[in-house]
Amino acid sequence: MEAFSAKRSRVIRLPACLNIIGLSRSTVFDISNPKSPRHDPTFPKKVRIGLRAIGWYEDEIFAWTASKRA
């Protein structure tokens, strides 16, 4: 039996995400909303980690931040 080999970074919650990217909570939800005029389709997708809890993969947040600096 073969183990699942796709390695993902850890899932971080909103406060850690905000600390990394330096944006406000409302801005994060605004750029991830497809109906918003400020929507950024390159922003990482949310990961559901509970009934009411969401997070993001840490490596995707760092990659998105690096792409915005370039």
N, C-alpha and C. Protein backbone atom coordinates (compact mmCIF):
# COMPACT_ATOMS: atom_id res chain seq x y z
N MET A 1 0.83 -1.17 0.00
CA MET A 1 0.00 0.00 0.00
C MET A 1 0.89 1.25 0.00
N GLU A 2 0.61 2.16 -0.90
CA GLU A 2 1.43 3.36 -1.07
C GLU A 2 0.84 4.53 -0.28
N ALA A 3 1.69 5.24 0.41
CA ALA A 3 1.24 6.39 1.21
C ALA A 3 1.01 7.60 0.31
N PHE A 4 0.16 8.47 0.78
CA PHE A 4 -0.11 9.71 0.06
C PHE A 4 1.15 10.56 0.11
N SER A 5 1.69 10.92 -1.04
CA SER A 5 3.00 11.56 -1.09
C SER A 5 2.97 13.07 -1.34
N ALA A 6 1.83 13.61 -1.72
CA ALA A 6 1.78 15.04 -2.00
C ALA A 6 1.87 15.80 -0.68
N LYS A 7 2.96 16.52 -0.50
CA LYS A 7 3.18 17.24 0.75
C LYS A 7 2.67 18.67 0.63
N ARG A 8 1.88 19.07 1.57
CA ARG A 8 1.38 20.42 1.64
C ARG A 8 1.95 21.09 2.87
N SER A 9 2.09 22.39 2.82
CA SER A 9 2.53 23.11 4.00
C SER A 9 1.39 23.16 5.00
N ARG A 10 1.66 23.72 6.12
CA ARG A 10 0.62 23.77 7.14
C ARG A 10 -0.45 24.79 6.77
N VAL A 11 -1.62 24.59 7.34
CA VAL A 11 -2.73 25.51 7.13
C VAL A 11 -2.65 26.57 8.22
N ILE A 12 -2.72 27.83 7.80
CA ILE A 12 -2.68 28.93 8.77
C ILE A 12 -4.04 29.62 8.80
N ARG A 13 -4.37 30.13 9.96
CA ARG A 13 -5.64 30.83 10.14
C ARG A 13 -5.47 32.30 9.77
N LEU A 14 -6.56 33.04 9.81
CA LEU A 14 -6.59 34.43 9.36
C LEU A 14 -5.56 35.33 10.06
N PRO A 15 -5.41 35.31 11.39
CA PRO A 15 -4.43 36.21 12.01
C PRO A 15 -3.00 36.00 11.49
N ALA A 16 -2.60 34.75 11.30
CA ALA A 16 -1.26 34.47 10.77
C ALA A 16 -1.15 34.93 9.32
N CYS A 17 -2.21 34.74 8.55
CA CYS A 17 -2.23 35.18 7.15
C CYS A 17 -2.07 36.70 7.07
N LEU A 18 -2.81 37.41 7.90
CA LEU A 18 -2.73 38.87 7.92
C LEU A 18 -1.34 39.34 8.31
N ASN A 19 -0.74 38.65 9.24
CA ASN A 19 0.61 39.00 9.68
C ASN A 19 1.62 38.83 8.54
N ILE A 20 1.46 37.83 7.73
CA ILE A 20 2.38 37.56 6.62
C ILE A 20 2.20 38.58 5.50
N ILE A 21 0.96 38.81 5.09
CA ILE A 21 0.74 39.65 3.91
C ILE A 21 0.61 41.13 4.22
N GLY A 22 0.33 41.48 5.46
CA GLY A 22 0.27 42.88 5.83
C GLY A 22 -0.96 43.62 5.34
N LEU A 23 -2.04 42.90 5.09
CA LEU A 23 -3.28 43.54 4.67
C LEU A 23 -4.32 43.39 5.78
N SER A 24 -5.40 44.15 5.69
CA SER A 24 -6.46 44.06 6.69
C SER A 24 -7.37 42.88 6.39
N ARG A 25 -8.14 42.52 7.40
CA ARG A 25 -9.10 41.42 7.28
C ARG A 25 -10.10 41.70 6.15
N SER A 26 -10.63 42.91 6.10
CA SER A 26 -11.61 43.24 5.08
C SER A 26 -11.00 43.20 3.68
N THR A 27 -9.75 43.59 3.55
CA THR A 27 -9.07 43.55 2.25
C THR A 27 -8.89 42.11 1.78
N VAL A 28 -8.52 41.21 2.69
CA VAL A 28 -8.35 39.80 2.33
C VAL A 28 -9.67 39.23 1.81
N PHE A 29 -10.76 39.50 2.50
CA PHE A 29 -12.05 38.98 2.05
C PHE A 29 -12.52 39.69 0.78
N ASP A 30 -12.13 40.93 0.60
CA ASP A 30 -12.49 41.67 -0.61
C ASP A 30 -11.75 41.11 -1.84
N ILE A 31 -10.45 40.86 -1.71
CA ILE A 31 -9.71 40.36 -2.87
C ILE A 31 -10.03 38.89 -3.17
N SER A 32 -10.61 38.17 -2.20
CA SER A 32 -10.98 36.79 -2.48
C SER A 32 -12.43 36.63 -2.93
N ASN A 33 -13.18 37.73 -2.97
CA ASN A 33 -14.58 37.70 -3.40
C ASN A 33 -14.66 37.98 -4.90
N PRO A 34 -15.11 36.99 -5.69
CA PRO A 34 -15.19 37.19 -7.15
C PRO A 34 -16.13 38.31 -7.57
N LYS A 35 -17.07 38.70 -6.73
CA LYS A 35 -18.01 39.77 -7.09
C LYS A 35 -17.47 41.16 -6.76
N SER A 36 -16.35 41.23 -6.09
CA SER A 36 -15.77 42.50 -5.71
C SER A 36 -14.97 43.11 -6.87
N PRO A 37 -15.00 44.43 -7.01
CA PRO A 37 -14.16 45.06 -8.05
C PRO A 37 -12.67 44.95 -7.72
N ARG A 38 -12.33 44.65 -6.47
CA ARG A 38 -10.93 44.50 -6.06
C ARG A 38 -10.48 43.04 -6.07
N HIS A 39 -11.29 42.16 -6.65
CA HIS A 39 -10.97 40.73 -6.67
C HIS A 39 -9.63 40.46 -7.35
N ASP A 40 -8.84 39.59 -6.71
CA ASP A 40 -7.55 39.17 -7.27
C ASP A 40 -7.61 37.65 -7.46
N PRO A 41 -7.77 37.20 -8.69
CA PRO A 41 -7.88 35.75 -8.93
C PRO A 41 -6.62 34.97 -8.59
N THR A 42 -5.49 35.65 -8.40
CA THR A 42 -4.26 34.95 -8.05
C THR A 42 -4.13 34.70 -6.55
N PHE A 43 -5.01 35.30 -5.75
CA PHE A 43 -4.94 35.10 -4.31
C PHE A 43 -5.30 33.65 -3.99
N PRO A 44 -4.56 33.01 -3.08
CA PRO A 44 -4.82 31.59 -2.76
C PRO A 44 -6.25 31.34 -2.28
N LYS A 45 -6.75 30.18 -2.62
CA LYS A 45 -8.10 29.78 -2.24
C LYS A 45 -8.14 29.39 -0.77
N LYS A 46 -9.28 29.62 -0.14
CA LYS A 46 -9.49 29.25 1.25
C LYS A 46 -9.57 27.73 1.38
N VAL A 47 -9.21 27.24 2.56
CA VAL A 47 -9.31 25.83 2.88
C VAL A 47 -10.25 25.71 4.07
N ARG A 48 -11.28 24.91 3.94
CA ARG A 48 -12.21 24.72 5.05
C ARG A 48 -11.59 23.72 6.01
N ILE A 49 -11.47 24.14 7.28
CA ILE A 49 -10.85 23.27 8.28
C ILE A 49 -11.82 22.92 9.41
N GLY A 50 -13.04 23.31 9.26
CA GLY A 50 -14.08 23.02 10.24
C GLY A 50 -15.40 23.55 9.72
N LEU A 51 -16.43 23.44 10.53
CA LEU A 51 -17.74 23.93 10.10
C LEU A 51 -17.74 25.43 9.82
N ARG A 52 -17.06 26.19 10.68
CA ARG A 52 -17.03 27.64 10.51
C ARG A 52 -15.61 28.18 10.42
N ALA A 53 -14.64 27.30 10.30
CA ALA A 53 -13.23 27.72 10.30
C ALA A 53 -12.63 27.59 8.91
N ILE A 54 -11.85 28.59 8.53
CA ILE A 54 -11.14 28.57 7.26
C ILE A 54 -9.67 28.88 7.50
N GLY A 55 -8.88 28.56 6.52
CA GLY A 55 -7.46 28.87 6.58
C GLY A 55 -6.89 28.89 5.18
N TRP A 56 -5.60 29.05 5.08
CA TRP A 56 -4.90 29.06 3.80
C TRP A 56 -3.63 28.25 3.96
N TYR A 57 -3.16 27.65 2.87
CA TYR A 57 -1.88 26.95 2.92
C TYR A 57 -0.77 27.99 2.99
N GLU A 58 0.10 27.83 3.96
CA GLU A 58 1.15 28.80 4.22
C GLU A 58 2.06 29.01 3.01
N ASP A 59 2.43 27.93 2.33
CA ASP A 59 3.33 28.08 1.17
C ASP A 59 2.67 28.88 0.05
N GLU A 60 1.36 28.75 -0.13
CA GLU A 60 0.66 29.51 -1.16
C GLU A 60 0.60 31.00 -0.81
N ILE A 61 0.45 31.31 0.47
CA ILE A 61 0.44 32.71 0.90
C ILE A 61 1.81 33.34 0.67
N PHE A 62 2.88 32.62 1.03
CA PHE A 62 4.23 33.14 0.79
C PHE A 62 4.50 33.32 -0.70
N ALA A 63 4.06 32.38 -1.53
CA ALA A 63 4.26 32.48 -2.98
C ALA A 63 3.49 33.67 -3.55
N TRP A 64 2.26 33.89 -3.08
CA TRP A 64 1.46 35.02 -3.55
C TRP A 64 2.14 36.34 -3.17
N THR A 65 2.62 36.42 -1.95
CA THR A 65 3.32 37.62 -1.49
C THR A 65 4.54 37.89 -2.32
N ALA A 66 5.31 36.84 -2.62
CA ALA A 66 6.53 37.00 -3.43
C ALA A 66 6.18 37.45 -4.84
N SER A 67 5.07 36.96 -5.39
CA SER A 67 4.68 37.35 -6.75
C SER A 67 4.26 38.81 -6.81
N LYS A 68 3.75 39.34 -5.71
CA LYS A 68 3.32 40.74 -5.68
C LYS A 68 4.52 41.67 -5.55
N ARG A 69 5.61 41.18 -4.97
CA ARG A 69 6.82 41.99 -4.84
C ARG A 69 7.56 42.10 -6.16
N ALA A 70 7.42 41.08 -7.00
CA ALA A 70 8.17 41.04 -8.26
C ALA A 70 7.66 42.04 -9.27
